[in-house]
C-alpha atoms as a PDB file:
ATOM      1  CA  VAL A   1     132.913  78.050  70.595  1.00  0.00           C
ATOM      2  CA  ILE A   2     135.310  78.003  73.571  1.00  0.00           C
ATOM      3  CA  TRP A   3     135.292  80.249  76.648  1.00  0.00           C
ATOM      4  CA  ASN A   4     136.845  80.616  80.100  1.00  0.00           C
ATOM      5  CA  ASN A   5     135.101  79.540  83.269  1.00  0.00           C
ATOM      6  CA  VAL A   6     133.559  82.034  85.695  1.00  0.00           C
ATOM      7  CA  ILE A   7     132.590  81.579  89.339  1.00  0.00           C
ATOM      8  CA  ARG A   8     129.154  80.683  90.726  1.00  0.00           C
ATOM      9  CA  GLU A   9     127.491  80.028  87.381  1.00  0.00           C
ATOM     10  CA  THR A  10     125.002  77.204  86.990  1.00  0.00           C
ATOM     11  CA  ASN A  11     124.783  77.267  83.191  1.00  0.00           C
ATOM     12  CA  PHE A  12     126.050  79.034  80.103  1.00  0.00           C
ATOM     13  CA  GLY A  13     123.841  80.310  77.307  1.00  0.00           C
ATOM     14  CA  ILE A  14     125.215  80.213  73.766  1.00  0.00           C
ATOM     15  CA  LEU A  15     124.096  82.964  71.399  1.00  0.00           C
ATOM     16  CA  ARG A  16     124.567  83.051  67.643  1.00  0.00           C
ATOM     17  CA  ASP A  17     123.930  86.423  66.008  1.00  0.00           C
ATOM     18  CA  ASN A  18     122.369  87.587  69.319  1.00  0.00           C
ATOM     19  CA  ILE A  19     119.835  84.730  69.308  1.00  0.00           C
ATOM     20  CA  SER A  20     119.910  82.105  72.044  1.00  0.00           C
ATOM     21  CA  MET A  21     120.604  78.709  70.522  1.00  0.00           C
ATOM     22  CA  ALA A  22     121.681  76.432  73.392  1.00  0.00           C
ATOM     23  CA  THR A  23     122.322  76.085  77.114  1.00  0.00           C
ATOM     24  CA  VAL A  24     125.171  74.027  78.534  1.00  0.00           C
ATOM     25  CA  ALA A  25     126.041  73.013  82.102  1.00  0.00           C
ATOM     26  CA  ALA A  26     128.521  74.992  84.201  1.00  0.00           C
ATOM     27  CA  ASP A  27     131.293  72.423  83.834  1.00  0.00           C
ATOM     28  CA  ILE A  28     131.200  72.567  80.019  1.00  0.00           C
ATOM     29  CA  LEU A  29     133.377  75.246  78.412  1.00  0.00           C
ATOM     30  CA  THR A  30     132.912  74.436  74.729  1.00  0.00           C
ATOM     31  CA  PHE A  31     130.020  74.210  72.294  1.00  0.00           C
ATOM     32  CA  ASP A  32     129.919  72.720  68.782  1.00  0.00           C
ATOM     33  CA  ASP A  33     127.434  74.337  66.410  1.00  0.00           C
ATOM     34  CA  PHE A  34     126.500  71.502  64.053  1.00  0.00           C
ATOM     35  CA  THR A  35     123.779  73.647  62.445  1.00  0.00           C
ATOM     36  CA  ALA A  36     126.233  76.182  61.002  1.00  0.00           C
ATOM     37  CA  VAL A  37     125.997  76.502  57.231  1.00  0.00           C
ATOM     38  CA  SER A  38     129.295  76.065  55.425  1.00  0.00           C
ATOM     39  CA  GLY A  39     130.785  79.368  54.278  1.00  0.00           C
ATOM     40  CA  VAL A  40     128.557  81.567  56.494  1.00  0.00           C
ATOM     41  CA  VAL A  41     130.233  83.566  59.275  1.00  0.00           C
ATOM     42  CA  TYR A  42     128.211  83.945  62.485  1.00  0.00           C
ATOM     43  CA  LEU A  43     128.786  86.085  65.577  1.00  0.00           C
ATOM     44  CA  TYR A  44     128.937  83.953  68.735  1.00  0.00           C
ATOM     45  CA  SER A  45     128.731  85.064  72.356  1.00  0.00           C
ATOM     46  CA  VAL A  46     128.296  83.336  75.710  1.00  0.00           C
ATOM     47  CA  GLN A  47     126.337  84.367  78.800  1.00  0.00           C
ATOM     48  CA  ALA A  48     126.742  82.851  82.262  1.00  0.00           C
ATOM     49  CA  PHE A  49     123.718  82.641  84.541  1.00  0.00           C
ATOM     50  CA  ASN A  50     122.634  81.207  87.882  1.00  0.00           C
ATOM     51  CA  THR A  51     119.594  81.274  90.173  1.00  0.00           C
ATOM     52  CA  CYS A  52     120.225  84.964  90.938  1.00  0.00           C
ATOM     53  CA  GLY A  53     119.935  85.989  87.286  1.00  0.00           C
ATOM     54  CA  ASP A  54     121.748  86.443  84.030  1.00  0.00           C
ATOM     55  CA  GLY A  55     125.330  87.635  83.743  1.00  0.00           C
ATOM     56  CA  LEU A  56     126.629  89.996  81.089  1.00  0.00           C
ATOM     57  CA  VAL A  57     126.891  88.710  77.544  1.00  0.00           C
ATOM     58  CA  SER A  58     130.459  88.209  76.316  1.00  0.00           C
ATOM     59  CA  ALA A  59     131.851  90.116  73.379  1.00  0.00           C
ATOM     60  CA  GLN A  60     130.874  88.636  70.042  1.00  0.00           C
ATOM     61  CA  THR A  61     133.439  86.660  68.109  1.00  0.00           C
ATOM     62  CA  PRO A  62     133.090  85.572  64.479  1.00  0.00           C
ATOM     63  CA  GLY A  63     133.107  81.924  63.521  1.00  0.00           C
ATOM     64  CA  GLY A  64     131.965  79.677  60.739  1.00  0.00           C
ATOM     65  CA  ALA A  65     132.064  76.196  59.311  1.00  0.00           C
ATOM     66  CA  ILE A  66     133.723  74.895  56.195  1.00  0.00           C
ATOM     67  CA  THR A  67     132.958  71.809  54.194  1.00  0.00           C
ATOM     68  CA  ILE A  68     135.779  69.303  54.105  1.00  0.00           C
ATOM     69  CA  LEU A  69     135.993  67.946  50.594  1.00  0.00           C
ATOM     70  CA  VAL A  70     135.850  64.174  50.276  1.00  0.00           C
ATOM     71  CA  PRO A  71     138.393  62.797  47.800  1.00  0.00           C
ATOM     72  CA  PRO A  72     137.121  61.294  44.546  1.00  0.00           C
ATOM     73  CA  SER A  73     136.891  57.518  44.322  1.00  0.00           C
ATOM     74  CA  ASN A  74     137.025  54.865  41.603  1.00  0.00           C
ATOM     75  CA  VAL A  75     139.941  56.622  39.897  1.00  0.00           C
ATOM     76  CA  THR A  76     141.109  54.750  36.811  1.00  0.00           C
ATOM     77  CA  ALA A  77     143.690  55.470  34.148  1.00  0.00           C
ATOM     78  CA  THR A  78     143.926  53.639  30.837  1.00  0.00           C
ATOM     79  CA  ASP A  79     147.174  51.974  29.786  1.00  0.00           C
ATOM     80  CA  ASN A  80     146.240  50.715  26.341  1.00  0.00           C
ATOM     81  CA  LEU A  81     145.877  53.877  24.220  1.00  0.00           C
ATOM     82  CA  CYS A  82     148.600  54.915  21.756  1.00  0.00           C
ATOM     83  CA  ASP A  83     148.619  58.692  22.240  1.00  0.00           C
ATOM     84  CA  ARG A  84     146.959  59.429  25.566  1.00  0.00           C
ATOM     85  CA  VAL A  85     145.890  58.236  28.995  1.00  0.00           C
ATOM     86  CA  THR A  86     142.236  58.661  29.906  1.00  0.00           C
ATOM     87  CA  VAL A  87     141.634  59.343  33.602  1.00  0.00           C
ATOM     88  CA  THR A  88     138.163  58.910  35.097  1.00  0.00           C
ATOM     89  CA  TRP A  89     136.823  59.259  38.640  1.00  0.00           C
ATOM     90  CA  MET A  90     133.653  59.504  40.681  1.00  0.00           C
ATOM     91  CA  ASP A  91     132.923  62.762  42.526  1.00  0.00           C
ATOM     92  CA  ASN A  92     132.177  61.898  46.181  1.00  0.00           C
ATOM     93  CA  ASN A  93     131.371  65.432  47.312  1.00  0.00           C
ATOM     94  CA  LEU A  94     128.739  67.771  45.919  1.00  0.00           C
ATOM     95  CA  ALA A  95     129.884  70.696  48.088  1.00  0.00           C
ATOM     96  CA  PRO A  96     129.374  74.164  46.588  1.00  0.00           C
ATOM     97  CA  GLN A  97     132.964  75.020  47.577  1.00  0.00           C
ATOM     98  CA  GLU A  98     134.316  72.499  45.099  1.00  0.00           C
ATOM     99  CA  ALA A  99     135.793  74.469  42.203  1.00  0.00           C
ATOM    100  CA  GLY A 100     137.172  71.595  40.136  1.00  0.00           C
ATOM    101  CA  PHE A 101     139.709  68.798  40.104  1.00  0.00           C
ATOM    102  CA  SER A 102     143.482  68.780  39.809  1.00  0.00           C
ATOM    103  CA  ILE A 103     144.974  65.975  37.736  1.00  0.00           C
ATOM    104  CA  LEU A 104     148.295  64.794  39.143  1.00  0.00           C
ATOM    105  CA  ARG A 105     150.941  62.567  37.554  1.00  0.00           C
ATOM    106  CA  ASN A 106     153.574  61.275  39.956  1.00  0.00           C
ATOM    107  CA  GLY A 107     152.451  63.899  42.492  1.00  0.00           C
ATOM    108  CA  VAL A 108     152.781  66.830  40.066  1.00  0.00           C
ATOM    109  CA  THR A 109     149.736  68.752  38.767  1.00  0.00           C
ATOM    110  CA  ILE A 110     149.505  68.362  34.988  1.00  0.00           C
ATOM    111  CA  GLY A 111     146.003  69.724  34.478  1.00  0.00           C
ATOM    112  CA  MET A 112     142.790  70.983  36.027  1.00  0.00           C
ATOM    113  CA  VAL A 113     139.148  70.513  35.088  1.00  0.00           C
ATOM    114  CA  ALA A 114     136.069  72.339  36.342  1.00  0.00           C
END
């Protein structure tokens, strides 16, 4: 979440779906929501405040997190079979967004598996 500075604030309150989730100092103009669930879109807003009281809440803006897929490891391909090459790998990411694997030969997709 990123916002513009205002004058005479002492802190900013961060709201997610209209619920206060954090307070940051006046000189900080960004907030990282590490609790966001991948694939869920939230509505974020920011509210400046100081010793005189709370300012108006900003307009809500949608935002969400995605899971970055980790590449498979331990990829092997056989070279001693007469009529085929067997490719194996270890899945390093159990993310629900993973739909399958593309099999590439010389950079070109030759198959997909779920």
